[in-house]
Amino acid sequence: MLVGTWAAADRAISFYRRHGFEQVSPERTSALLKTYWAIPDRQIETSVVLANPPLDAGL
């Protein structure tokens, strides 16, 4: 599962981390946001994506 939120949304990010989500790298974040969300580039620059299970699990 992927969730996207504003990078400045500290409380939301903390909530998701408490529930097993891990923040995706900035490089992957941009690609994921462009693939799964229809948002402007400016919003992509100020957003993060968190994943559960982590995208790098098992690597």
C-alpha atoms as a PDB file:
ATOM      1  CA  MET A   1       0.000   0.000   0.000  1.00  0.00           C
ATOM      2  CA  LEU A   2       1.247   3.460  -0.856  1.00  0.00           C
ATOM      3  CA  VAL A   3       0.196   6.733   0.734  1.00  0.00           C
ATOM      4  CA  GLY A   4       1.185  10.220  -0.313  1.00  0.00           C
ATOM      5  CA  THR A   5       1.219  13.303   1.875  1.00  0.00           C
ATOM      6  CA  TRP A   6       2.851  16.697   2.158  1.00  0.00           C
ATOM      7  CA  ALA A   7       6.489  16.518   3.259  1.00  0.00           C
ATOM      8  CA  ALA A   8       5.693  19.069   5.987  1.00  0.00           C
ATOM      9  CA  ALA A   9       2.863  16.920   7.437  1.00  0.00           C
ATOM     10  CA  ASP A  10       4.969  15.649  10.327  1.00  0.00           C
ATOM     11  CA  ARG A  11       2.006  14.289  12.285  1.00  0.00           C
ATOM     12  CA  ALA A  12       0.701  12.314   9.305  1.00  0.00           C
ATOM     13  CA  ILE A  13       4.145  10.908   8.526  1.00  0.00           C
ATOM     14  CA  SER A  14       4.607   9.904  12.185  1.00  0.00           C
ATOM     15  CA  PHE A  15       1.192   8.215  12.166  1.00  0.00           C
ATOM     16  CA  TYR A  16       2.019   6.151   9.108  1.00  0.00           C
ATOM     17  CA  ARG A  17       5.453   5.200  10.438  1.00  0.00           C
ATOM     18  CA  ARG A  18       3.880   4.001  13.693  1.00  0.00           C
ATOM     19  CA  HIS A  19       1.740   1.699  11.563  1.00  0.00           C
ATOM     20  CA  GLY A  20       4.594   0.095   9.648  1.00  0.00           C
ATOM     21  CA  PHE A  21       5.015   2.434   6.695  1.00  0.00           C
ATOM     22  CA  GLU A  22       8.453   3.572   5.590  1.00  0.00           C
ATOM     23  CA  GLN A  23       9.246   6.653   3.571  1.00  0.00           C
ATOM     24  CA  VAL A  24      10.241   6.004  -0.037  1.00  0.00           C
ATOM     25  CA  SER A  25      13.421   7.573  -1.421  1.00  0.00           C
ATOM     26  CA  PRO A  26      12.991  10.957  -3.161  1.00  0.00           C
ATOM     27  CA  GLU A  27      13.895   9.446  -6.542  1.00  0.00           C
ATOM     28  CA  ARG A  28      11.240   6.748  -6.264  1.00  0.00           C
ATOM     29  CA  THR A  29       8.743   9.200  -4.768  1.00  0.00           C
ATOM     30  CA  SER A  30       8.706  11.326  -7.902  1.00  0.00           C
ATOM     31  CA  ALA A  31       8.224   8.308 -10.161  1.00  0.00           C
ATOM     32  CA  LEU A  32       5.456   6.862  -7.976  1.00  0.00           C
ATOM     33  CA  LEU A  33       3.595  10.159  -7.718  1.00  0.00           C
ATOM     34  CA  LYS A  34       3.700  10.590 -11.491  1.00  0.00           C
ATOM     35  CA  THR A  35       2.505   7.009 -12.018  1.00  0.00           C
ATOM     36  CA  TYR A  36      -0.321   6.752  -9.471  1.00  0.00           C
ATOM     37  CA  TRP A  37      -1.430  10.316  -8.774  1.00  0.00           C
ATOM     38  CA  ALA A  38      -2.538  13.123 -11.055  1.00  0.00           C
ATOM     39  CA  ILE A  39      -0.920  16.080  -9.307  1.00  0.00           C
ATOM     40  CA  PRO A  40       1.059  19.104 -10.487  1.00  0.00           C
ATOM     41  CA  ASP A  41       4.864  19.056 -10.483  1.00  0.00           C
ATOM     42  CA  ARG A  42       4.938  21.674  -7.712  1.00  0.00           C
ATOM     43  CA  GLN A  43       2.954  19.344  -5.471  1.00  0.00           C
ATOM     44  CA  ILE A  44       5.290  16.470  -6.309  1.00  0.00           C
ATOM     45  CA  GLU A  45       8.201  18.608  -5.120  1.00  0.00           C
ATOM     46  CA  THR A  46       6.534  19.062  -1.705  1.00  0.00           C
ATOM     47  CA  SER A  47       5.205  15.538  -1.201  1.00  0.00           C
ATOM     48  CA  VAL A  48       6.436  12.229   0.168  1.00  0.00           C
ATOM     49  CA  VAL A  49       5.293   8.673  -0.375  1.00  0.00           C
ATOM     50  CA  LEU A  50       5.262   6.014   2.316  1.00  0.00           C
ATOM     51  CA  ALA A  51       4.925   2.279   1.663  1.00  0.00           C
ATOM     52  CA  ASN A  52       3.798  -0.717   3.693  1.00  0.00           C
ATOM     53  CA  PRO A  53       5.376  -3.133   3.259  1.00  0.00           C
ATOM     54  CA  PRO A  54       8.504  -1.115   2.493  1.00  0.00           C
ATOM     55  CA  LEU A  55       9.337  -1.103  -1.219  1.00  0.00           C
ATOM     56  CA  ASP A  56      12.866  -2.295  -0.551  1.00  0.00           C
ATOM     57  CA  ALA A  57      11.760  -5.225   1.641  1.00  0.00           C
ATOM     58  CA  GLY A  58      13.463  -8.407   0.580  1.00  0.00           C
ATOM     59  CA  LEU A  59      16.199  -6.740  -1.471  1.00  0.00           C
END
